[in-house]
Structures are given as C-alpha cells and as structure tokens.
Amino acid sequence: MGKLVIVCNGESVWDSRNLLTGWVDVALTGRGIQEAAFASRIIGPIAYDAVYTSNLVRTIQTSLVLMLNNQDIVTPIIESHGFLSGKRSIIHNDSIRLSTVKIKQTWRLNERFFGKMQGYSIDQIVAQYGIDNLNKWRYSYYERPPRGESLVDVERRVRPFLRRKILSKMHLGKNVLVVSHNSTVRAMIRIIENLSPEEAMKLDIRTSKPFIYEFSSGKPIRLPLPKIEERAMGMPGR
C-alpha cells in the first residue's frame, strides 16, 4: 500500500523576519532545519520511490533533512540540471543506483506568487494597503494580491501535477514524498480530500508539519499524527 507524505518547508530566514517570501529563493534557518529533523522522526523510515519539491531551495533543504531516517534504506540525490546533468551524473553501479531516489523539482509546487507584496512585512502591507485588503488577499481563495496569484491560481497549476505525477504513483503502491509550501500544500489537501474553499482555509498548515496518506477503498485517507507538543510543529510558512 503506497504512502504519500506532504510537508510544508521548514522555517526560512524570511519566515523568521515575518516577511512574505513567495517565489524569492530564501534558505532555511537553523530552527527550520530542526523542525524538519523533528518531522523526520514523526514520519519514520519510509522507502520513498519518488521525491518532489518546488524549485525553491528551502524545500530542497527540507527534503534532505526529512530523509535522515531513510539513509539506510535509500539515498536521496538532487536531480542535476545544466552542466551536471546528463552523462556526468550517471551512477554506473547498478546496485547503488537502485538504492537511490532522485529529488525532482518543479515550478508547479512553488509557493504562491505574492506579486508586489513579496519582501514586505505584514505591518508594512497593512500600512500601505490597509488591513481589509490584507485579510482579503490572505484569507480568500479567490482574491489576488497586486500582480500576484490567488489560491485558485495555485490550485490550477498544482492539480495536473498532483494527479499525473503523485497520485498516479500512489495508485501503483509507490511511496511518495512531496515538500512544498503553505499555499501549495493547502491546494493539494483540498484536492485530495475534496474540501470546500472554506474548509481548506481552516487547515492548520505549519512549517515541517507532515500530512500522511494511505490508500483505503481506492482513495487516499489521511493518517492521524502522534500526539506531540504544538510548539514543536513550526509556524505558518510564507
């Protein structure tokens, strides 16, 4: 029975400064690394057949830390691009190659593009646009920030990738790890669980909090997490 593990990236440098990050490629903080390490212990060792992240480094870093408990099962390798791609990155030892899994990146899993709000703090956005506009952009599924994406836009780019690359593997009994961002995780869970937009907005998505699914009666069912301290589960990612 295949498992699907979906995780929001660990705390980034801009999360710690309360800045909207979006598509800006910001790395994890030390706390973000610790959050991912904690989540890896909750998830436990799983022999992943596929690992997907966004194109942003904070998800790639998180995925590597999440797989710390998997080192004796499968070795994660970041899929190479550019000069290091192709023949230069081929593993010629078949037994070793079969014990690896590539971490593949796609822009479809990138965080919501916040447009002109990227790099600003919440307080600065309120000062410039007003609290009513901020609440509309943050808590509505349909509203776009200036030159940015709505959550509906995010869902439209996530949906085909989720169905073709992720759920299709789960149907075949494969184990899949997906590390993405608050908005894209919210969109994936809404699709998988057939939630209303209002239900999706109420999901508690925190940095490095895992959502674990197994197939039951032909559909993915979310498994309960072990009881843990809420403060260990991170903060809302941006």
Protein backbone atom coordinates (compact mmCIF):
# COMPACT_ATOMS: atom_id res chain seq x y z
CA MET A 1 0.00 0.00 0.00
CA GLY A 2 1.55 3.26 -1.12
CA LYS A 3 2.05 6.20 1.19
CA LEU A 4 2.01 9.88 0.36
CA VAL A 5 3.76 12.30 2.71
CA ILE A 6 3.18 16.03 2.13
CA VAL A 7 5.23 18.54 4.12
CA CYS A 8 5.50 22.33 4.13
CA ASN A 9 9.10 23.59 4.11
CA GLY A 10 10.84 24.36 7.41
CA GLU A 11 11.15 27.89 8.71
CA SER A 12 13.00 30.14 6.27
CA VAL A 13 15.09 33.21 7.03
CA TRP A 14 12.24 35.45 5.88
CA ASP A 15 9.65 33.48 7.88
CA SER A 16 11.69 34.33 10.96
CA ARG A 17 11.55 38.02 9.98
CA ASN A 18 7.80 37.94 9.24
CA LEU A 19 8.35 38.78 5.56
CA LEU A 20 6.23 37.43 2.70
CA THR A 21 8.58 35.21 0.72
CA GLY A 22 6.63 33.77 -2.20
CA TRP A 23 8.99 32.90 -5.07
CA VAL A 24 12.05 34.57 -3.51
CA ASP A 25 14.65 31.82 -3.04
CA VAL A 26 15.41 32.09 0.68
CA ALA A 27 17.18 29.34 2.69
CA LEU A 28 16.17 27.69 5.96
CA THR A 29 17.09 28.96 9.40
CA GLY A 30 18.70 26.71 12.00
CA ARG A 31 15.26 26.36 13.55
CA GLY A 32 13.88 25.33 10.16
CA ILE A 33 16.43 22.52 9.95
CA GLN A 34 15.50 21.39 13.48
CA GLU A 35 11.80 21.41 12.57
CA ALA A 36 12.45 19.16 9.58
CA ALA A 37 14.58 16.81 11.70
CA PHE A 38 11.74 16.58 14.23
CA ALA A 39 9.26 15.83 11.44
CA SER A 40 11.54 13.09 10.09
CA ARG A 41 11.21 11.27 13.42
CA ILE A 42 7.41 11.54 13.28
CA ILE A 43 7.25 10.17 9.75
CA GLY A 44 9.75 7.40 10.44
CA PRO A 45 11.75 5.45 7.86
CA ILE A 46 9.97 5.06 4.54
CA ALA A 47 11.49 3.71 1.33
CA TYR A 48 10.42 6.52 -0.99
CA ASP A 49 10.05 5.72 -4.67
CA ALA A 50 9.73 9.39 -5.66
CA VAL A 51 10.50 12.75 -4.03
CA TYR A 52 9.22 16.07 -5.39
CA THR A 53 9.96 19.61 -4.26
CA SER A 54 9.44 23.08 -5.63
CA ASN A 55 12.26 24.90 -7.42
CA LEU A 56 12.99 26.85 -4.23
CA VAL A 57 15.94 25.88 -2.06
CA ARG A 58 14.01 25.85 1.22
CA THR A 59 12.00 22.83 0.06
CA ILE A 60 15.08 21.02 -1.24
CA GLN A 61 16.86 21.57 2.10
CA THR A 62 13.79 20.39 3.98
CA SER A 63 13.51 17.22 1.88
CA LEU A 64 17.12 16.24 2.59
CA VAL A 65 16.64 16.65 6.35
CA LEU A 66 13.31 14.80 6.27
CA MET A 67 15.09 11.79 4.81
CA LEU A 68 17.65 11.49 7.62
CA ASN A 69 15.87 8.37 8.90
CA ASN A 70 15.99 6.85 5.43
CA GLN A 71 19.74 6.79 4.86
CA ASP A 72 19.99 3.03 5.45
CA ILE A 73 17.06 2.42 3.07
CA VAL A 74 17.51 4.85 0.20
CA THR A 75 19.95 7.67 -0.56
CA PRO A 76 18.45 10.98 -1.73
CA ILE A 77 20.16 12.57 -4.73
CA ILE A 78 19.27 16.01 -6.03
CA GLU A 79 18.36 15.82 -9.71
CA SER A 80 21.03 17.73 -11.61
CA HIS A 81 20.46 20.45 -14.16
CA GLY A 82 22.73 22.33 -16.53
CA PHE A 83 26.43 21.36 -16.55
CA LEU A 84 26.00 18.49 -14.05
CA SER A 85 23.05 16.90 -15.86
CA GLY A 86 23.12 14.06 -18.35
CA LYS A 87 26.00 11.62 -18.58
CA ARG A 88 28.12 13.37 -15.96
CA SER A 89 25.69 12.47 -13.17
CA ILE A 90 25.00 8.85 -14.16
CA ILE A 91 25.53 6.21 -11.43
CA HIS A 92 27.17 3.25 -13.16
CA ASN A 93 26.99 0.83 -10.20
CA ASP A 94 23.54 -0.75 -10.63
CA SER A 95 23.19 -1.96 -7.03
CA ILE A 96 23.97 1.52 -5.71
CA ARG A 97 21.74 3.23 -8.29
CA LEU A 98 18.78 1.09 -7.21
CA SER A 99 19.22 2.27 -3.61
CA THR A 100 18.89 5.95 -4.51
CA VAL A 101 15.94 8.25 -5.12
CA LYS A 102 16.11 11.49 -7.08
CA ILE A 103 14.75 14.69 -5.58
CA LYS A 104 12.95 16.24 -8.53
CA GLN A 105 12.00 19.92 -8.63
CA THR A 106 9.08 21.60 -10.38
CA TRP A 107 7.81 25.18 -10.51
CA ARG A 108 4.27 23.84 -10.15
CA LEU A 109 4.97 23.23 -6.45
CA ASN A 110 6.37 26.74 -5.88
CA GLU A 111 4.80 28.88 -3.19
CA ARG A 112 2.01 31.25 -4.11
CA PHE A 113 3.41 34.22 -6.02
CA PHE A 114 2.67 37.23 -3.81
CA GLY A 115 3.46 39.79 -6.51
CA LYS A 116 4.21 43.29 -5.23
CA MET A 117 3.89 42.13 -1.59
CA GLN A 118 6.99 39.91 -1.71
CA GLY A 119 9.70 41.12 0.66
CA TYR A 120 7.34 43.25 2.75
CA SER A 121 6.34 42.54 6.34
CA ILE A 122 2.71 42.18 7.37
CA ASP A 123 2.88 45.54 9.17
CA GLN A 124 4.23 47.25 6.05
CA ILE A 125 1.49 45.75 3.89
CA VAL A 126 -1.19 46.91 6.33
CA ALA A 127 0.32 50.42 6.32
CA GLN A 128 0.35 50.54 2.51
CA TYR A 129 -2.85 48.70 1.57
CA GLY A 130 -4.96 48.54 4.74
CA ILE A 131 -5.99 45.63 6.96
CA ASP A 132 -9.15 44.90 4.93
CA ASN A 133 -7.18 44.33 1.73
CA LEU A 134 -4.60 42.22 3.56
CA ASN A 135 -7.30 39.98 5.05
CA LYS A 136 -8.99 39.70 1.65
CA TRP A 137 -5.75 38.59 -0.04
CA ARG A 138 -4.66 36.22 2.74
CA TYR A 139 -7.96 34.56 3.67
CA SER A 140 -9.94 34.48 0.43
CA TYR A 141 -9.46 31.62 -2.00
CA TYR A 142 -10.23 33.81 -4.98
CA GLU A 143 -8.62 37.22 -4.45
CA ARG A 144 -5.23 38.10 -5.97
CA PRO A 145 -2.74 40.45 -4.32
CA PRO A 146 -1.35 43.15 -6.66
CA ARG A 147 0.30 41.34 -9.62
CA GLY A 148 0.20 38.07 -7.67
CA GLU A 149 -1.65 34.74 -7.58
CA SER A 150 -4.87 33.75 -5.86
CA LEU A 151 -5.16 30.34 -4.23
CA VAL A 152 -7.33 29.31 -7.18
CA ASP A 153 -4.40 30.13 -9.48
CA VAL A 154 -2.14 27.98 -7.29
CA GLU A 155 -4.60 25.10 -7.41
CA ARG A 156 -4.81 25.25 -11.21
CA ARG A 157 -1.07 24.74 -11.62
CA VAL A 158 -0.83 22.14 -8.84
CA ARG A 159 -3.77 19.94 -9.86
CA PRO A 160 -2.36 18.34 -13.07
CA PHE A 161 1.00 17.62 -11.42
CA LEU A 162 -0.69 16.11 -8.36
CA ARG A 163 -2.82 13.77 -10.46
CA ARG A 164 -0.26 12.76 -13.12
CA LYS A 165 2.94 12.54 -11.09
CA ILE A 166 1.93 11.96 -7.47
CA LEU A 167 -1.45 10.24 -7.07
CA SER A 168 -0.79 8.03 -10.10
CA LYS A 169 2.28 6.60 -8.32
CA MET A 170 0.32 6.13 -5.10
CA HIS A 171 -2.26 4.11 -7.05
CA LEU A 172 0.58 1.77 -8.07
CA GLY A 173 1.63 1.23 -4.44
CA LYS A 174 4.57 3.65 -4.58
CA ASN A 175 5.71 5.80 -1.65
CA VAL A 176 5.95 9.50 -2.49
CA LEU A 177 7.34 12.44 -0.52
CA VAL A 178 6.28 15.96 -1.53
CA VAL A 179 7.87 19.02 0.08
CA SER A 180 6.22 22.28 -0.87
CA HIS A 181 4.82 25.45 0.70
CA ASN A 182 1.83 26.65 2.69
CA SER A 183 -0.37 27.60 -0.27
CA THR A 184 0.52 24.61 -2.45
CA VAL A 185 0.13 22.15 0.44
CA ARG A 186 -3.29 23.70 1.13
CA ALA A 187 -4.25 23.28 -2.53
CA MET A 188 -3.11 19.64 -2.64
CA ILE A 189 -5.01 18.72 0.52
CA ARG A 190 -8.15 20.46 -0.79
CA ILE A 191 -7.96 18.37 -3.98
CA ILE A 192 -7.16 15.08 -2.23
CA GLU A 193 -9.82 15.45 0.47
CA ASN A 194 -12.37 17.23 -1.74
CA LEU A 195 -12.66 20.13 0.70
CA SER A 196 -14.60 23.32 0.13
CA PRO A 197 -12.55 26.53 -0.16
CA GLU A 198 -13.77 27.50 3.32
CA GLU A 199 -12.62 24.17 4.78
CA ALA A 200 -9.27 24.46 3.00
CA MET A 201 -8.64 27.91 4.51
CA LYS A 202 -9.11 26.44 8.01
CA LEU A 203 -6.38 23.79 7.57
CA ASP A 204 -3.59 24.07 10.14
CA ILE A 205 -0.51 24.06 7.90
CA ARG A 206 2.76 24.78 9.68
CA THR A 207 6.41 24.63 8.72
CA SER A 208 7.57 20.99 8.57
CA LYS A 209 4.19 19.61 9.66
CA PRO A 210 3.64 16.32 7.80
CA PHE A 211 0.37 15.14 6.29
CA ILE A 212 0.49 11.37 5.74
CA TYR A 213 -1.91 9.49 3.45
CA GLU A 214 -2.55 5.83 2.66
CA PHE A 215 -4.89 4.35 0.10
CA SER A 216 -8.07 2.82 1.53
CA SER A 217 -11.03 1.70 -0.58
CA GLY A 218 -9.41 3.27 -3.64
CA LYS A 219 -8.83 6.75 -2.21
CA PRO A 220 -6.17 8.46 -0.07
CA ILE A 221 -7.01 8.63 3.64
CA ARG A 222 -5.12 10.98 5.97
CA LEU A 223 -3.50 9.18 8.90
CA PRO A 224 -3.52 10.75 12.38
CA LEU A 225 -0.21 12.09 13.65
CA PRO A 226 1.21 11.07 17.04
CA LYS A 227 0.26 13.40 19.86
CA ILE A 228 3.04 15.94 20.19
CA GLU A 229 3.54 19.42 21.58
CA GLU A 230 2.01 22.01 19.26
CA ARG A 231 5.03 24.29 19.57
CA ALA A 232 7.21 21.61 18.02
CA MET A 233 5.24 21.72 14.80
CA GLY A 234 6.59 25.03 13.49
CA MET A 235 4.83 28.17 12.28
CA PRO A 236 2.68 29.17 9.29
CA GLY A 237 5.01 29.28 6.28
CA ARG A 238 5.06 32.05 3.69
